[in-house]
Amino acid sequence: GIGGLDALNDWLSDNRYSRTTFGRKFGDVAASERGYENYTSADDAARMLSACINDGSYELMNYDIASEGVRIPAGATVHAHRGMGIQDAY
């Protein structure tokens, strides 16, 4: 089929994110409790974040984590996305 986690995992593999796999949708607590998890490596995550900076999609990560008491160091810029259902997951 088109789309879904299989297509996402295929895209990741095709784009050299070989240590990243998605077993569930972000924030899907029930799937996590059944043992389906998402994994990545530090290298893959750094390359993904770099790609987000380069194409401007970091602007989509605009959750205000300070609203939940997370302290942001002076002068730092934080781009965050808030998961739904998994406490303290950004």
N, C-alpha and C. Protein backbone atom coordinates (compact mmCIF):
# COMPACT_ATOMS: atom_id res chain seq x y z
N GLY A 1 0.82 -1.19 0.00
CA GLY A 1 0.00 0.00 0.00
C GLY A 1 0.86 1.26 0.00
N ILE A 2 0.20 2.34 -0.20
CA ILE A 2 0.86 3.64 -0.20
C ILE A 2 0.75 4.25 1.19
N GLY A 3 1.85 4.79 1.68
CA GLY A 3 1.85 5.45 2.98
C GLY A 3 2.01 4.46 4.12
N GLY A 4 1.77 4.94 5.30
CA GLY A 4 1.88 4.10 6.48
C GLY A 4 3.32 3.94 6.94
N LEU A 5 3.45 3.16 8.01
CA LEU A 5 4.77 2.97 8.61
C LEU A 5 5.72 2.22 7.68
N ASP A 6 5.20 1.26 6.91
CA ASP A 6 6.08 0.54 5.98
C ASP A 6 6.70 1.49 4.96
N ALA A 7 5.89 2.38 4.40
CA ALA A 7 6.40 3.34 3.42
C ALA A 7 7.39 4.30 4.07
N LEU A 8 7.10 4.72 5.30
CA LEU A 8 8.02 5.60 6.02
C LEU A 8 9.36 4.90 6.25
N ASN A 9 9.31 3.66 6.71
CA ASN A 9 10.55 2.92 6.95
C ASN A 9 11.32 2.68 5.65
N ASP A 10 10.59 2.43 4.56
CA ASP A 10 11.26 2.29 3.26
C ASP A 10 11.95 3.60 2.87
N TRP A 11 11.27 4.73 3.05
CA TRP A 11 11.86 6.03 2.72
C TRP A 11 13.11 6.26 3.55
N LEU A 12 13.03 5.98 4.84
CA LEU A 12 14.19 6.17 5.71
C LEU A 12 15.38 5.35 5.23
N SER A 13 15.13 4.10 4.91
CA SER A 13 16.20 3.23 4.41
C SER A 13 16.76 3.75 3.09
N ASP A 14 15.87 4.16 2.19
CA ASP A 14 16.30 4.66 0.88
C ASP A 14 17.11 5.96 0.98
N ASN A 15 16.94 6.70 2.09
CA ASN A 15 17.61 7.98 2.28
C ASN A 15 18.73 7.91 3.32
N ARG A 16 19.29 6.72 3.49
CA ARG A 16 20.47 6.49 4.33
C ARG A 16 20.24 6.72 5.82
N TYR A 17 19.00 6.61 6.28
CA TYR A 17 18.73 6.64 7.72
C TYR A 17 18.59 5.18 8.16
N SER A 18 19.70 4.45 8.08
CA SER A 18 19.66 3.00 8.26
C SER A 18 19.46 2.55 9.69
N ARG A 19 19.63 3.45 10.63
CA ARG A 19 19.46 3.07 12.04
C ARG A 19 18.20 3.67 12.65
N THR A 20 17.25 4.02 11.79
CA THR A 20 15.99 4.58 12.25
C THR A 20 14.84 3.72 11.73
N THR A 21 13.96 3.29 12.64
CA THR A 21 12.77 2.54 12.27
C THR A 21 11.60 2.99 13.12
N PHE A 22 10.44 2.99 12.52
CA PHE A 22 9.21 3.34 13.22
C PHE A 22 8.33 2.10 13.32
N GLY A 23 7.97 1.75 14.55
CA GLY A 23 7.08 0.63 14.80
C GLY A 23 5.70 1.08 15.22
N ARG A 24 5.55 2.38 15.48
CA ARG A 24 4.25 2.92 15.91
C ARG A 24 4.20 4.40 15.59
N LYS A 25 3.01 4.96 15.61
CA LYS A 25 2.86 6.40 15.43
C LYS A 25 3.34 7.11 16.70
N PHE A 26 3.87 8.32 16.52
CA PHE A 26 4.37 9.10 17.65
C PHE A 26 3.25 9.35 18.66
N GLY A 27 3.47 8.98 19.90
CA GLY A 27 2.48 9.21 20.95
C GLY A 27 1.46 8.10 21.11
N ASP A 28 1.57 7.02 20.35
CA ASP A 28 0.61 5.91 20.44
C ASP A 28 0.98 5.03 21.63
N VAL A 29 0.38 5.35 22.77
CA VAL A 29 0.70 4.66 24.02
C VAL A 29 0.32 3.19 23.96
N ALA A 30 -0.85 2.89 23.39
CA ALA A 30 -1.31 1.49 23.32
C ALA A 30 -0.34 0.64 22.52
N ALA A 31 0.14 1.14 21.39
CA ALA A 31 1.10 0.39 20.59
C ALA A 31 2.41 0.21 21.35
N SER A 32 2.83 1.25 22.07
CA SER A 32 4.05 1.15 22.87
C SER A 32 3.91 0.08 23.94
N GLU A 33 2.75 0.02 24.57
CA GLU A 33 2.52 -0.99 25.60
C GLU A 33 2.52 -2.40 25.01
N ARG A 34 2.22 -2.53 23.71
CA ARG A 34 2.25 -3.83 23.04
C ARG A 34 3.65 -4.15 22.49
N GLY A 35 4.63 -3.27 22.75
CA GLY A 35 6.01 -3.53 22.36
C GLY A 35 6.46 -2.91 21.05
N TYR A 36 5.62 -2.10 20.41
CA TYR A 36 6.00 -1.44 19.17
C TYR A 36 6.69 -0.13 19.52
N GLU A 37 7.92 0.05 19.08
CA GLU A 37 8.68 1.25 19.43
C GLU A 37 9.33 1.86 18.20
N ASN A 38 9.79 3.08 18.36
CA ASN A 38 10.52 3.81 17.33
C ASN A 38 11.97 3.93 17.80
N TYR A 39 12.89 3.74 16.87
CA TYR A 39 14.31 3.79 17.22
C TYR A 39 15.08 4.64 16.22
N THR A 40 16.12 5.29 16.72
CA THR A 40 17.03 6.02 15.85
C THR A 40 18.41 6.02 16.50
N SER A 41 19.38 6.48 15.75
CA SER A 41 20.73 6.63 16.29
C SER A 41 21.02 8.12 16.43
N ALA A 42 22.04 8.45 17.18
CA ALA A 42 22.44 9.85 17.32
C ALA A 42 22.81 10.44 15.97
N ASP A 43 23.49 9.65 15.13
CA ASP A 43 23.89 10.14 13.81
C ASP A 43 22.67 10.41 12.93
N ASP A 44 21.72 9.47 12.88
CA ASP A 44 20.52 9.68 12.07
C ASP A 44 19.74 10.89 12.58
N ALA A 45 19.60 11.00 13.90
CA ALA A 45 18.84 12.12 14.47
C ALA A 45 19.51 13.45 14.13
N ALA A 46 20.83 13.52 14.24
CA ALA A 46 21.55 14.76 13.93
C ALA A 46 21.39 15.13 12.45
N ARG A 47 21.46 14.12 11.56
CA ARG A 47 21.27 14.39 10.14
C ARG A 47 19.84 14.85 9.84
N MET A 48 18.85 14.27 10.52
CA MET A 48 17.46 14.70 10.33
C MET A 48 17.26 16.14 10.79
N LEU A 49 17.80 16.46 11.95
CA LEU A 49 17.66 17.83 12.46
C LEU A 49 18.39 18.82 11.56
N SER A 50 19.54 18.45 11.05
CA SER A 50 20.26 19.31 10.11
C SER A 50 19.43 19.54 8.85
N ALA A 51 18.79 18.49 8.35
CA ALA A 51 17.92 18.63 7.18
C ALA A 51 16.75 19.57 7.47
N CYS A 52 16.20 19.49 8.69
CA CYS A 52 15.10 20.38 9.08
C CYS A 52 15.55 21.84 9.09
N ILE A 53 16.75 22.08 9.57
CA ILE A 53 17.28 23.45 9.57
C ILE A 53 17.47 23.93 8.14
N ASN A 54 18.01 23.07 7.29
CA ASN A 54 18.30 23.46 5.91
C ASN A 54 17.05 23.75 5.08
N ASP A 55 15.97 23.02 5.33
CA ASP A 55 14.78 23.24 4.51
C ASP A 55 13.70 24.08 5.20
N GLY A 56 13.97 24.54 6.42
CA GLY A 56 13.03 25.42 7.13
C GLY A 56 11.91 24.71 7.86
N SER A 57 11.88 23.38 7.82
CA SER A 57 10.78 22.67 8.48
C SER A 57 10.88 22.70 10.01
N TYR A 58 12.01 23.18 10.52
CA TYR A 58 12.13 23.33 11.99
C TYR A 58 11.06 24.27 12.52
N GLU A 59 10.52 25.14 11.67
CA GLU A 59 9.47 26.06 12.11
C GLU A 59 8.19 25.33 12.49
N LEU A 60 8.04 24.09 12.06
CA LEU A 60 6.88 23.28 12.44
C LEU A 60 7.02 22.77 13.87
N MET A 61 8.25 22.78 14.40
CA MET A 61 8.49 22.33 15.77
C MET A 61 8.43 23.56 16.67
N ASN A 62 7.21 23.98 16.98
CA ASN A 62 7.03 25.26 17.67
C ASN A 62 6.33 25.14 19.01
N TYR A 63 6.37 23.97 19.63
CA TYR A 63 5.75 23.80 20.93
C TYR A 63 6.54 24.56 21.99
N ASP A 64 5.85 25.31 22.83
CA ASP A 64 6.49 26.11 23.89
C ASP A 64 6.71 25.24 25.12
N ILE A 65 7.86 24.58 25.20
CA ILE A 65 8.11 23.69 26.33
C ILE A 65 8.28 24.45 27.64
N ALA A 66 8.60 25.73 27.57
CA ALA A 66 8.69 26.54 28.80
C ALA A 66 7.33 26.63 29.48
N SER A 67 6.24 26.48 28.71
CA SER A 67 4.90 26.52 29.30
C SER A 67 4.66 25.36 30.25
N GLU A 68 5.50 24.33 30.18
CA GLU A 68 5.39 23.18 31.07
C GLU A 68 6.50 23.17 32.13
N GLY A 69 7.18 24.30 32.25
CA GLY A 69 8.19 24.42 33.29
C GLY A 69 9.59 24.01 32.88
N VAL A 70 9.80 23.69 31.62
CA VAL A 70 11.14 23.34 31.15
C VAL A 70 11.96 24.63 31.08
N ARG A 71 13.10 24.64 31.75
CA ARG A 71 13.94 25.83 31.77
C ARG A 71 14.84 25.87 30.55
N ILE A 72 14.80 26.98 29.83
CA ILE A 72 15.60 27.16 28.63
C ILE A 72 16.77 28.07 29.00
N PRO A 73 17.99 27.66 28.73
CA PRO A 73 19.15 28.51 29.04
C PRO A 73 19.06 29.84 28.28
N ALA A 74 19.50 30.91 28.92
CA ALA A 74 19.51 32.23 28.29
C ALA A 74 20.26 32.17 26.97
N GLY A 75 19.67 32.74 25.94
CA GLY A 75 20.30 32.79 24.63
C GLY A 75 20.09 31.57 23.77
N ALA A 76 19.45 30.52 24.33
CA ALA A 76 19.22 29.29 23.56
C ALA A 76 17.91 29.37 22.81
N THR A 77 17.88 28.75 21.66
CA THR A 77 16.65 28.60 20.89
C THR A 77 16.28 27.13 20.89
N VAL A 78 15.03 26.84 21.22
CA VAL A 78 14.57 25.46 21.27
C VAL A 78 13.41 25.29 20.30
N HIS A 79 13.50 24.28 19.46
CA HIS A 79 12.40 23.91 18.57
C HIS A 79 11.92 22.55 19.05
N ALA A 80 10.65 22.45 19.42
CA ALA A 80 10.16 21.21 20.01
C ALA A 80 8.80 20.84 19.43
N HIS A 81 8.52 19.55 19.48
CA HIS A 81 7.23 18.99 19.13
C HIS A 81 6.76 18.22 20.35
N ARG A 82 5.50 18.35 20.71
CA ARG A 82 4.97 17.67 21.89
C ARG A 82 4.20 16.45 21.47
N GLY A 83 4.57 15.29 21.98
CA GLY A 83 3.81 14.07 21.74
C GLY A 83 2.52 14.09 22.53
N MET A 84 1.56 13.37 22.05
CA MET A 84 0.28 13.28 22.74
C MET A 84 0.22 11.92 23.42
N GLY A 85 -0.04 11.91 24.72
CA GLY A 85 -0.25 10.65 25.41
C GLY A 85 0.95 10.12 26.16
N ILE A 86 2.14 10.51 25.81
CA ILE A 86 3.33 10.03 26.54
C ILE A 86 3.89 11.22 27.30
N GLN A 87 3.77 11.17 28.60
CA GLN A 87 4.15 12.28 29.47
C GLN A 87 5.62 12.65 29.27
N ASP A 88 5.87 13.93 29.21
CA ASP A 88 7.23 14.48 29.14
C ASP A 88 7.99 14.04 27.88
N ALA A 89 7.28 13.73 26.80
CA ALA A 89 7.94 13.36 25.55
C ALA A 89 7.92 14.57 24.63
N TYR A 90 9.11 15.03 24.25
CA TYR A 90 9.23 16.16 23.34
C TYR A 90 10.04 15.73 22.14
